[in-house]
């Protein structure tokens, strides 16, 4: 899963070509790979596919939970004090950023 906006290099790599080209200003400016250079259409289709995968996971990037140490501390104090602050904090993140239905 990409955790960053896909680039032209990512699109070429997704086509199975790990190296042998140089990208400058968003264009392949030099190709020396032994593999046949993919067409601009193939590269664009690959980039569109990667972008769709990236966009589909936006809700995951938006779900910012407390660090695990803080969560464990909340759980401890909830148990000691009979409160539910940990559950409330997790529920808030989930309600603020619901998983999209497919």
PDB file of N, CA and C in Angstrom:
ATOM      1  N   UNK A   1       0.836  -1.170   0.000  1.00  0.00           N
ATOM      2  CA  UNK A   1       0.000   0.000   0.000  1.00  0.00           C
ATOM      3  C   UNK A   1       0.887   1.242   0.000  1.00  0.00           C
ATOM      4  N   UNK A   2       0.565   2.155  -0.867  1.00  0.00           N
ATOM      5  CA  UNK A   2       1.310   3.405  -0.904  1.00  0.00           C
ATOM      6  C   UNK A   2       0.841   4.310   0.230  1.00  0.00           C
ATOM      7  N   UNK A   3       1.781   4.860   0.959  1.00  0.00           N
ATOM      8  CA  UNK A   3       1.465   5.807   2.017  1.00  0.00           C
ATOM      9  C   UNK A   3       1.786   7.226   1.596  1.00  0.00           C
ATOM     10  N   UNK A   4       1.984   7.419   0.304  1.00  0.00           N
ATOM     11  CA  UNK A   4       2.338   8.713  -0.228  1.00  0.00           C
ATOM     12  C   UNK A   4       1.735   8.832  -1.620  1.00  0.00           C
ATOM     13  N   UNK A   5       1.604  10.045  -2.107  1.00  0.00           N
ATOM     14  CA  UNK A   5       1.028  10.268  -3.431  1.00  0.00           C
ATOM     15  C   UNK A   5       1.931   9.617  -4.478  1.00  0.00           C
ATOM     16  N   UNK A   6       1.353   8.778  -5.365  1.00  0.00           N
ATOM     17  CA  UNK A   6       2.175   8.065  -6.349  1.00  0.00           C
ATOM     18  C   UNK A   6       2.819   9.001  -7.372  1.00  0.00           C
ATOM     19  N   UNK A   7       4.008   8.615  -7.812  1.00  0.00           N
ATOM     20  CA  UNK A   7       4.771   9.400  -8.771  1.00  0.00           C
ATOM     21  C   UNK A   7       4.925   8.627 -10.078  1.00  0.00           C
ATOM     22  N   UNK A   8       5.500   9.278 -11.058  1.00  0.00           N
ATOM     23  CA  UNK A   8       5.781   8.630 -12.335  1.00  0.00           C
ATOM     24  C   UNK A   8       6.699   7.427 -12.125  1.00  0.00           C
ATOM     25  N   UNK A   9       7.677   7.558 -11.274  1.00  0.00           N
ATOM     26  CA  UNK A   9       8.581   6.432 -10.978  1.00  0.00           C
ATOM     27  C   UNK A   9       7.819   5.257 -10.377  1.00  0.00           C
ATOM     28  N   UNK A  10       6.865   5.542  -9.488  1.00  0.00           N
ATOM     29  CA  UNK A  10       6.043   4.478  -8.906  1.00  0.00           C
ATOM     30  C   UNK A  10       5.246   3.765  -9.996  1.00  0.00           C
ATOM     31  N   UNK A  11       4.727   4.530 -10.945  1.00  0.00           N
ATOM     32  CA  UNK A  11       3.927   3.949 -12.034  1.00  0.00           C
ATOM     33  C   UNK A  11       4.775   3.021 -12.896  1.00  0.00           C
ATOM     34  N   UNK A  12       5.999   3.421 -13.194  1.00  0.00           N
ATOM     35  CA  UNK A  12       6.891   2.575 -14.006  1.00  0.00           C
ATOM     36  C   UNK A  12       7.269   1.325 -13.209  1.00  0.00           C
ATOM     37  N   UNK A  13       7.571   1.486 -11.932  1.00  0.00           N
ATOM     38  CA  UNK A  13       7.905   0.332 -11.087  1.00  0.00           C
ATOM     39  C   UNK A  13       6.732  -0.636 -10.987  1.00  0.00           C
ATOM     40  N   UNK A  14       5.517  -0.108 -10.943  1.00  0.00           N
ATOM     41  CA  UNK A  14       4.324  -0.962 -10.873  1.00  0.00           C
ATOM     42  C   UNK A  14       4.166  -1.786 -12.150  1.00  0.00           C
ATOM     43  N   UNK A  15       4.785  -1.352 -13.226  1.00  0.00           N
ATOM     44  CA  UNK A  15       4.769  -2.106 -14.475  1.00  0.00           C
ATOM     45  C   UNK A  15       5.852  -3.183 -14.490  1.00  0.00           C
ATOM     46  N   UNK A  16       6.605  -3.287 -13.400  1.00  0.00           N
ATOM     47  CA  UNK A  16       7.601  -4.344 -13.264  1.00  0.00           C
ATOM     48  C   UNK A  16       9.001  -3.954 -13.697  1.00  0.00           C
ATOM     49  N   UNK A  17       9.244  -2.669 -13.848  1.00  0.00           N
ATOM     50  CA  UNK A  17      10.563  -2.191 -14.275  1.00  0.00           C
ATOM     51  C   UNK A  17      11.168  -1.415 -13.105  1.00  0.00           C
ATOM     52  N   UNK A  18      12.184  -1.994 -12.483  1.00  0.00           N
ATOM     53  CA  UNK A  18      12.741  -1.435 -11.252  1.00  0.00           C
ATOM     54  C   UNK A  18      13.715  -0.275 -11.460  1.00  0.00           C
ATOM     55  N   UNK A  19      14.340  -0.188 -12.591  1.00  0.00           N
ATOM     56  CA  UNK A  19      15.310   0.884 -12.808  1.00  0.00           C
ATOM     57  C   UNK A  19      15.700   0.968 -14.262  1.00  0.00           C
ATOM     58  N   UNK A  20      16.496   1.950 -14.579  1.00  0.00           N
ATOM     59  CA  UNK A  20      16.972   2.102 -15.940  1.00  0.00           C
ATOM     60  C   UNK A  20      16.332   3.267 -16.667  1.00  0.00           C
ATOM     61  N   UNK A  21      15.873   4.233 -15.911  1.00  0.00           N
ATOM     62  CA  UNK A  21      15.304   5.435 -16.503  1.00  0.00           C
ATOM     63  C   UNK A  21      15.577   6.609 -15.583  1.00  0.00           C
ATOM     64  N   UNK A  22      15.421   7.791 -16.120  1.00  0.00           N
ATOM     65  CA  UNK A  22      15.620   9.011 -15.346  1.00  0.00           C
ATOM     66  C   UNK A  22      14.398   9.897 -15.560  1.00  0.00           C
ATOM     67  N   UNK A  23      13.850  10.378 -14.469  1.00  0.00           N
ATOM     68  CA  UNK A  23      12.684  11.258 -14.521  1.00  0.00           C
ATOM     69  C   UNK A  23      13.126  12.665 -14.161  1.00  0.00           C
ATOM     70  N   UNK A  24      12.648  13.619 -14.935  1.00  0.00           N
ATOM     71  CA  UNK A  24      12.927  15.016 -14.637  1.00  0.00           C
ATOM     72  C   UNK A  24      11.681  15.818 -14.980  1.00  0.00           C
ATOM     73  N   UNK A  25      11.238  16.627 -14.028  1.00  0.00           N
ATOM     74  CA  UNK A  25      10.063  17.476 -14.210  1.00  0.00           C
ATOM     75  C   UNK A  25       8.848  16.672 -14.674  1.00  0.00           C
ATOM     76  N   UNK A  26       8.651  15.500 -14.074  1.00  0.00           N
ATOM     77  CA  UNK A  26       7.475  14.697 -14.356  1.00  0.00           C
ATOM     78  C   UNK A  26       7.475  13.959 -15.678  1.00  0.00           C
ATOM     79  N   UNK A  27       8.628  13.853 -16.324  1.00  0.00           N
ATOM     80  CA  UNK A  27       8.722  13.144 -17.595  1.00  0.00           C
ATOM     81  C   UNK A  27       9.951  12.239 -17.594  1.00  0.00           C
ATOM     82  N   UNK A  28       9.847  11.119 -18.315  1.00  0.00           N
ATOM     83  CA  UNK A  28      11.022  10.271 -18.481  1.00  0.00           C
ATOM     84  C   UNK A  28      11.900  10.954 -19.527  1.00  0.00           C
ATOM     85  N   UNK A  29      13.101  11.331 -19.107  1.00  0.00           N
ATOM     86  CA  UNK A  29      13.991  12.054 -20.012  1.00  0.00           C
ATOM     87  C   UNK A  29      15.122  11.179 -20.535  1.00  0.00           C
ATOM     88  N   UNK A  30      15.317  10.040 -19.882  1.00  0.00           N
ATOM     89  CA  UNK A  30      16.373   9.136 -20.336  1.00  0.00           C
ATOM     90  C   UNK A  30      15.968   7.707 -20.006  1.00  0.00           C
ATOM     91  N   UNK A  31      16.190   6.790 -20.941  1.00  0.00           N
ATOM     92  CA  UNK A  31      15.824   5.380 -20.774  1.00  0.00           C
ATOM     93  C   UNK A  31      16.997   4.526 -21.179  1.00  0.00           C
ATOM     94  N   UNK A  32      17.512   3.716 -20.264  1.00  0.00           N
ATOM     95  CA  UNK A  32      18.602   2.806 -20.599  1.00  0.00           C
ATOM     96  C   UNK A  32      18.317   1.383 -20.107  1.00  0.00           C
ATOM     97  N   UNK A  33      17.126   1.161 -19.588  1.00  0.00           N
ATOM     98  CA  UNK A  33      16.743  -0.171 -19.107  1.00  0.00           C
ATOM     99  C   UNK A  33      16.722  -1.152 -20.268  1.00  0.00           C
ATOM    100  N   UNK A  34      17.027  -2.410 -19.962  1.00  0.00           N
ATOM    101  CA  UNK A  34      17.009  -3.441 -20.993  1.00  0.00           C
ATOM    102  C   UNK A  34      15.580  -3.745 -21.433  1.00  0.00           C
ATOM    103  N   UNK A  35      14.612  -3.551 -20.541  1.00  0.00           N
ATOM    104  CA  UNK A  35      13.215  -3.767 -20.898  1.00  0.00           C
ATOM    105  C   UNK A  35      12.759  -2.702 -21.890  1.00  0.00           C
ATOM    106  N   UNK A  36      11.782  -3.073 -22.689  1.00  0.00           N
ATOM    107  CA  UNK A  36      11.203  -2.114 -23.632  1.00  0.00           C
ATOM    108  C   UNK A  36      10.490  -1.027 -22.844  1.00  0.00           C
ATOM    109  N   UNK A  37      10.692   0.193 -23.252  1.00  0.00           N
ATOM    110  CA  UNK A  37      10.060   1.306 -22.556  1.00  0.00           C
ATOM    111  C   UNK A  37       8.547   1.240 -22.749  1.00  0.00           C
ATOM    112  N   UNK A  38       7.777   1.307 -21.656  1.00  0.00           N
ATOM    113  CA  UNK A  38       6.322   1.295 -21.790  1.00  0.00           C
ATOM    114  C   UNK A  38       5.844   2.579 -22.472  1.00  0.00           C
ATOM    115  N   UNK A  39       4.705   2.476 -23.110  1.00  0.00           N
ATOM    116  CA  UNK A  39       4.148   3.654 -23.779  1.00  0.00           C
ATOM    117  C   UNK A  39       3.656   4.658 -22.746  1.00  0.00           C
ATOM    118  N   UNK A  40       3.465   5.885 -23.185  1.00  0.00           N
ATOM    119  CA  UNK A  40       2.934   6.919 -22.298  1.00  0.00           C
ATOM    120  C   UNK A  40       1.557   6.518 -21.771  1.00  0.00           C
ATOM    121  N   UNK A  41       0.765   5.852 -22.603  1.00  0.00           N
ATOM    122  CA  UNK A  41      -0.571   5.406 -22.198  1.00  0.00           C
ATOM    123  C   UNK A  41      -0.457   4.359 -21.088  1.00  0.00           C
ATOM    124  N   UNK A  42       0.451   3.393 -21.233  1.00  0.00           N
ATOM    125  CA  UNK A  42       0.636   2.365 -20.198  1.00  0.00           C
ATOM    126  C   UNK A  42       1.076   2.988 -18.874  1.00  0.00           C
ATOM    127  N   UNK A  43       1.975   3.941 -18.958  1.00  0.00           N
ATOM    128  CA  UNK A  43       2.463   4.607 -17.744  1.00  0.00           C
ATOM    129  C   UNK A  43       1.324   5.403 -17.100  1.00  0.00           C
ATOM    130  N   UNK A  44       0.556   6.113 -17.908  1.00  0.00           N
ATOM    131  CA  UNK A  44      -0.564   6.903 -17.381  1.00  0.00           C
ATOM    132  C   UNK A  44      -1.616   6.003 -16.739  1.00  0.00           C
ATOM    133  N   UNK A  45      -1.927   4.870 -17.376  1.00  0.00           N
ATOM    134  CA  UNK A  45      -2.893   3.925 -16.801  1.00  0.00           C
ATOM    135  C   UNK A  45      -2.389   3.378 -15.469  1.00  0.00           C
ATOM    136  N   UNK A  46      -1.105   3.093 -15.389  1.00  0.00           N
ATOM    137  CA  UNK A  46      -0.508   2.608 -14.147  1.00  0.00           C
ATOM    138  C   UNK A  46      -0.603   3.674 -13.058  1.00  0.00           C
ATOM    139  N   UNK A  47      -0.329   4.919 -13.432  1.00  0.00           N
ATOM    140  CA  UNK A  47      -0.400   6.019 -12.474  1.00  0.00           C
ATOM    141  C   UNK A  47      -1.840   6.227 -11.990  1.00  0.00           C
ATOM    142  N   UNK A  48      -2.799   6.141 -12.889  1.00  0.00           N
ATOM    143  CA  UNK A  48      -4.215   6.289 -12.522  1.00  0.00           C
ATOM    144  C   UNK A  48      -4.623   5.181 -11.545  1.00  0.00           C
ATOM    145  N   UNK A  49      -4.179   3.954 -11.809  1.00  0.00           N
ATOM    146  CA  UNK A  49      -4.496   2.829 -10.931  1.00  0.00           C
ATOM    147  C   UNK A  49      -3.890   3.039  -9.535  1.00  0.00           C
ATOM    148  N   UNK A  50      -2.622   3.451  -9.493  1.00  0.00           N
ATOM    149  CA  UNK A  50      -1.972   3.702  -8.202  1.00  0.00           C
ATOM    150  C   UNK A  50      -2.664   4.835  -7.448  1.00  0.00           C
ATOM    151  N   UNK A  51      -3.067   5.885  -8.179  1.00  0.00           N
ATOM    152  CA  UNK A  51      -3.749   7.013  -7.544  1.00  0.00           C
ATOM    153  C   UNK A  51      -5.086   6.569  -6.957  1.00  0.00           C
ATOM    154  N   UNK A  52      -5.803   5.710  -7.675  1.00  0.00           N
ATOM    155  CA  UNK A  52      -7.087   5.194  -7.181  1.00  0.00           C
ATOM    156  C   UNK A  52      -6.880   4.376  -5.907  1.00  0.00           C
ATOM    157  N   UNK A  53      -5.835   3.547  -5.882  1.00  0.00           N
ATOM    158  CA  UNK A  53      -5.526   2.760  -4.686  1.00  0.00           C
ATOM    159  C   UNK A  53      -5.180   3.684  -3.513  1.00  0.00           C
ATOM    160  N   UNK A  54      -4.405   4.719  -3.791  1.00  0.00           N
ATOM    161  CA  UNK A  54      -4.025   5.695  -2.771  1.00  0.00           C
ATOM    162  C   UNK A  54      -5.268   6.409  -2.237  1.00  0.00           C
ATOM    163  N   UNK A  55      -6.130   6.876  -3.145  1.00  0.00           N
ATOM    164  CA  UNK A  55      -7.336   7.608  -2.749  1.00  0.00           C
ATOM    165  C   UNK A  55      -8.279   6.733  -1.932  1.00  0.00           C
ATOM    166  N   UNK A  56      -8.352   5.452  -2.269  1.00  0.00           N
ATOM    167  CA  UNK A  56      -9.255   4.535  -1.577  1.00  0.00           C
ATOM    168  C   UNK A  56      -8.848   4.334  -0.118  1.00  0.00           C
ATOM    169  N   UNK A  57      -7.622   4.608   0.211  1.00  0.00           N
ATOM    170  CA  UNK A  57      -7.129   4.418   1.582  1.00  0.00           C
ATOM    171  C   UNK A  57      -7.044   5.715   2.372  1.00  0.00           C
ATOM    172  N   UNK A  58      -7.654   6.794   1.871  1.00  0.00           N
ATOM    173  CA  UNK A  58      -7.568   8.087   2.541  1.00  0.00           C
ATOM    174  C   UNK A  58      -8.102   8.016   3.972  1.00  0.00           C
ATOM    175  N   UNK A  59      -9.204   7.271   4.157  1.00  0.00           N
ATOM    176  CA  UNK A  59      -9.766   7.202   5.505  1.00  0.00           C
ATOM    177  C   UNK A  59      -8.767   6.618   6.497  1.00  0.00           C
ATOM    178  N   UNK A  60      -7.916   5.684   6.038  1.00  0.00           N
ATOM    179  CA  UNK A  60      -6.923   5.096   6.938  1.00  0.00           C
ATOM    180  C   UNK A  60      -5.881   6.135   7.345  1.00  0.00           C
ATOM    181  N   UNK A  61      -5.492   6.987   6.403  1.00  0.00           N
ATOM    182  CA  UNK A  61      -4.504   8.014   6.732  1.00  0.00           C
ATOM    183  C   UNK A  61      -5.107   9.075   7.654  1.00  0.00           C
ATOM    184  N   UNK A  62      -6.421   9.291   7.539  1.00  0.00           N
ATOM    185  CA  UNK A  62      -7.081  10.289   8.373  1.00  0.00           C
ATOM    186  C   UNK A  62      -7.312   9.812   9.798  1.00  0.00           C
ATOM    187  N   UNK A  63      -7.347   8.497   9.991  1.00  0.00           N
ATOM    188  CA  UNK A  63      -7.602   7.937  11.316  1.00  0.00           C
ATOM    189  C   UNK A  63      -6.334   8.039  12.158  1.00  0.00           C
ATOM    190  N   UNK A  64      -6.260   9.069  12.939  1.00  0.00           N
ATOM    191  CA  UNK A  64      -5.073   9.290  13.760  1.00  0.00           C
ATOM    192  C   UNK A  64      -5.413   8.919  15.200  1.00  0.00           C
ATOM    193  N   UNK A  65      -4.902   7.766  15.602  1.00  0.00           N
ATOM    194  CA  UNK A  65      -5.127   7.286  16.958  1.00  0.00           C
ATOM    195  C   UNK A  65      -4.017   7.783  17.873  1.00  0.00           C
ATOM    196  N   UNK A  66      -4.315   7.786  19.156  1.00  0.00           N
ATOM    197  CA  UNK A  66      -3.284   8.092  20.146  1.00  0.00           C
ATOM    198  C   UNK A  66      -2.171   7.049  20.051  1.00  0.00           C
ATOM    199  N   UNK A  67      -0.948   7.413  20.396  1.00  0.00           N
ATOM    200  CA  UNK A  67       0.125   6.416  20.438  1.00  0.00           C
ATOM    201  C   UNK A  67      -0.261   5.271  21.380  1.00  0.00           C
ATOM    202  N   UNK A  68       0.222   4.082  21.094  1.00  0.00           N
ATOM    203  CA  UNK A  68      -0.190   2.892  21.845  1.00  0.00           C
ATOM    204  C   UNK A  68       0.094   3.021  23.342  1.00  0.00           C
ATOM    205  N   UNK A  69       1.193   3.669  23.704  1.00  0.00           N
ATOM    206  CA  UNK A  69       1.494   3.859  25.127  1.00  0.00           C
ATOM    207  C   UNK A  69       0.422   4.674  25.829  1.00  0.00           C
ATOM    208  N   UNK A  70      -0.058   5.728  25.164  1.00  0.00           N
ATOM    209  CA  UNK A  70      -1.121   6.545  25.749  1.00  0.00           C
ATOM    210  C   UNK A  70      -2.431   5.768  25.825  1.00  0.00           C
ATOM    211  N   UNK A  71      -2.687   4.927  24.807  1.00  0.00           N
ATOM    212  CA  UNK A  71      -3.897   4.108  24.837  1.00  0.00           C
ATOM    213  C   UNK A  71      -3.875   3.135  26.015  1.00  0.00           C
ATOM    214  N   UNK A  72      -2.730   2.512  26.225  1.00  0.00           N
ATOM    215  CA  UNK A  72      -2.608   1.579  27.342  1.00  0.00           C
ATOM    216  C   UNK A  72      -2.783   2.293  28.680  1.00  0.00           C
ATOM    217  N   UNK A  73      -2.240   3.498  28.781  1.00  0.00           N
ATOM    218  CA  UNK A  73      -2.398   4.283  30.004  1.00  0.00           C
ATOM    219  C   UNK A  73      -3.872   4.621  30.236  1.00  0.00           C
ATOM    220  N   UNK A  74      -4.562   5.013  29.163  1.00  0.00           N
ATOM    221  CA  UNK A  74      -5.999   5.286  29.282  1.00  0.00           C
ATOM    222  C   UNK A  74      -6.756   4.038  29.738  1.00  0.00           C
ATOM    223  N   UNK A  75      -6.400   2.895  29.176  1.00  0.00           N
ATOM    224  CA  UNK A  75      -7.067   1.657  29.570  1.00  0.00           C
ATOM    225  C   UNK A  75      -6.838   1.354  31.054  1.00  0.00           C
ATOM    226  N   UNK A  76      -5.615   1.563  31.495  1.00  0.00           N
ATOM    227  CA  UNK A  76      -5.302   1.332  32.918  1.00  0.00           C
ATOM    228  C   UNK A  76      -6.168   2.231  33.801  1.00  0.00           C
ATOM    229  N   UNK A  77      -6.152   3.542  33.498  1.00  0.00           N
ATOM    230  CA  UNK A  77      -6.889   4.482  34.340  1.00  0.00           C
ATOM    231  C   UNK A  77      -8.398   4.289  34.215  1.00  0.00           C
ATOM    232  N   UNK A  78      -8.872   3.846  33.074  1.00  0.00           N
ATOM    233  CA  UNK A  78     -10.291   3.507  32.942  1.00  0.00           C
ATOM    234  C   UNK A  78     -10.652   2.379  33.901  1.00  0.00           C
ATOM    235  N   UNK A  79      -9.790   1.369  33.970  1.00  0.00           N
ATOM    236  CA  UNK A  79     -10.025   0.228  34.863  1.00  0.00           C
ATOM    237  C   UNK A  79     -10.001   0.681  36.321  1.00  0.00           C
ATOM    238  N   UNK A  80      -9.029   1.524  36.682  1.00  0.00           N
ATOM    239  CA  UNK A  80      -8.898   2.006  38.061  1.00  0.00           C
ATOM    240  C   UNK A  80     -10.077   2.900  38.444  1.00  0.00           C
ATOM    241  N   UNK A  81     -10.470   3.806  37.516  1.00  0.00           N
ATOM    242  CA  UNK A  81     -11.488   4.817  37.838  1.00  0.00           C
ATOM    243  C   UNK A  81     -12.901   4.438  37.393  1.00  0.00           C
ATOM    244  N   UNK A  82     -13.038   3.312  36.694  1.00  0.00           N
ATOM    245  CA  UNK A  82     -14.368   2.930  36.216  1.00  0.00           C
ATOM    246  C   UNK A  82     -14.884   3.840  35.112  1.00  0.00           C
ATOM    247  N   UNK A  83     -13.963   4.410  34.345  1.00  0.00           N
ATOM    248  CA  UNK A  83     -14.352   5.308  33.246  1.00  0.00           C
ATOM    249  C   UNK A  83     -14.211   4.585  31.910  1.00  0.00           C
ATOM    250  N   UNK A  84     -14.529   5.279  30.816  1.00  0.00           N
ATOM    251  CA  UNK A  84     -14.427   4.689  29.477  1.00  0.00           C
ATOM    252  C   UNK A  84     -13.784   5.678  28.497  1.00  0.00           C
ATOM    253  N   UNK A  85     -12.775   6.423  28.966  1.00  0.00           N
ATOM    254  CA  UNK A  85     -12.127   7.436  28.122  1.00  0.00           C
ATOM    255  C   UNK A  85     -11.423   6.817  26.920  1.00  0.00           C
ATOM    256  N   UNK A  86     -10.799   5.650  27.094  1.00  0.00           N
ATOM    257  CA  UNK A  86     -10.121   4.998  25.961  1.00  0.00           C
ATOM    258  C   UNK A  86     -11.133   4.652  24.879  1.00  0.00           C
ATOM    259  N   UNK A  87     -12.225   4.014  25.261  1.00  0.00           N
ATOM    260  CA  UNK A  87     -13.251   3.631  24.289  1.00  0.00           C
ATOM    261  C   UNK A  87     -13.821   4.870  23.599  1.00  0.00           C
ATOM    262  N   UNK A  88     -14.030   5.934  24.343  1.00  0.00           N
ATOM    263  CA  UNK A  88     -14.554   7.173  23.770  1.00  0.00           C
ATOM    264  C   UNK A  88     -13.580   7.761  22.753  1.00  0.00           C
ATOM    265  N   UNK A  89     -12.273   7.724  23.054  1.00  0.00           N
ATOM    266  CA  UNK A  89     -11.288   8.290  22.126  1.00  0.00           C
ATOM    267  C   UNK A  89     -11.226   7.485  20.832  1.00  0.00           C
ATOM    268  N   UNK A  90     -11.299   6.159  20.933  1.00  0.00           N
ATOM    269  CA  UNK A  90     -11.282   5.311  19.737  1.00  0.00           C
ATOM    270  C   UNK A  90     -12.565   5.510  18.940  1.00  0.00           C
ATOM    271  N   UNK A  91     -13.701   5.566  19.629  1.00  0.00           N
ATOM    272  CA  UNK A  91     -14.983   5.765  18.948  1.00  0.00           C
ATOM    273  C   UNK A  91     -15.028   7.094  18.209  1.00  0.00           C
ATOM    274  N   UNK A  92     -14.429   8.123  18.790  1.00  0.00           N
ATOM    275  CA  UNK A  92     -14.421   9.441  18.138  1.00  0.00           C
ATOM    276  C   UNK A  92     -13.639   9.389  16.829  1.00  0.00           C
ATOM    277  N   UNK A  93     -12.473   8.764  16.834  1.00  0.00           N
ATOM    278  CA  UNK A  93     -11.677   8.651  15.607  1.00  0.00           C
ATOM    279  C   UNK A  93     -12.471   7.891  14.550  1.00  0.00           C
ATOM    280  N   UNK A  94     -13.088   6.785  14.953  1.00  0.00           N
ATOM    281  CA  UNK A  94     -13.852   5.977  14.004  1.00  0.00           C
ATOM    282  C   UNK A  94     -15.072   6.722  13.468  1.00  0.00           C
ATOM    283  N   UNK A  95     -15.750   7.478  14.310  1.00  0.00           N
ATOM    284  CA  UNK A  95     -16.944   8.212  13.840  1.00  0.00           C
ATOM    285  C   UNK A  95     -16.550   9.418  12.981  1.00  0.00           C
ATOM    286  N   UNK A  96     -15.427  10.059  13.311  1.00  0.00           N
ATOM    287  CA  UNK A  96     -14.969  11.200  12.519  1.00  0.00           C
ATOM    288  C   UNK A  96     -14.477  10.781  11.140  1.00  0.00           C
ATOM    289  N   UNK A  97     -13.984   9.548  11.014  1.00  0.00           N
ATOM    290  CA  UNK A  97     -13.420   9.054   9.758  1.00  0.00           C
ATOM    291  C   UNK A  97     -13.941   7.653   9.496  1.00  0.00           C
ATOM    292  N   UNK A  98     -15.214   7.510   9.132  1.00  0.00           N
ATOM    293  CA  UNK A  98     -15.774   6.179   8.913  1.00  0.00           C
ATOM    294  C   UNK A  98     -15.165   5.492   7.690  1.00  0.00           C
ATOM    295  N   UNK A  99     -15.121   4.181   7.773  1.00  0.00           N
ATOM    296  CA  UNK A  99     -14.630   3.404   6.644  1.00  0.00           C
ATOM    297  C   UNK A  99     -15.657   3.502   5.524  1.00  0.00           C
ATOM    298  N   UNK A 100     -15.209   3.846   4.316  1.00  0.00           N
ATOM    299  CA  UNK A 100     -16.178   3.962   3.219  1.00  0.00           C
ATOM    300  C   UNK A 100     -16.764   2.610   2.827  1.00  0.00           C
ATOM    301  N   UNK A 101     -17.989   2.623   2.398  1.00  0.00           N
ATOM    302  CA  UNK A 101     -18.602   1.400   1.906  1.00  0.00           C
ATOM    303  C   UNK A 101     -18.229   1.237   0.437  1.00  0.00           C
ATOM    304  N   UNK A 102     -17.968   0.011   0.054  1.00  0.00           N
ATOM    305  CA  UNK A 102     -17.528  -0.211  -1.332  1.00  0.00           C
ATOM    306  C   UNK A 102     -18.653  -0.670  -2.197  1.00  0.00           C
TER     307      UNK A 102
END
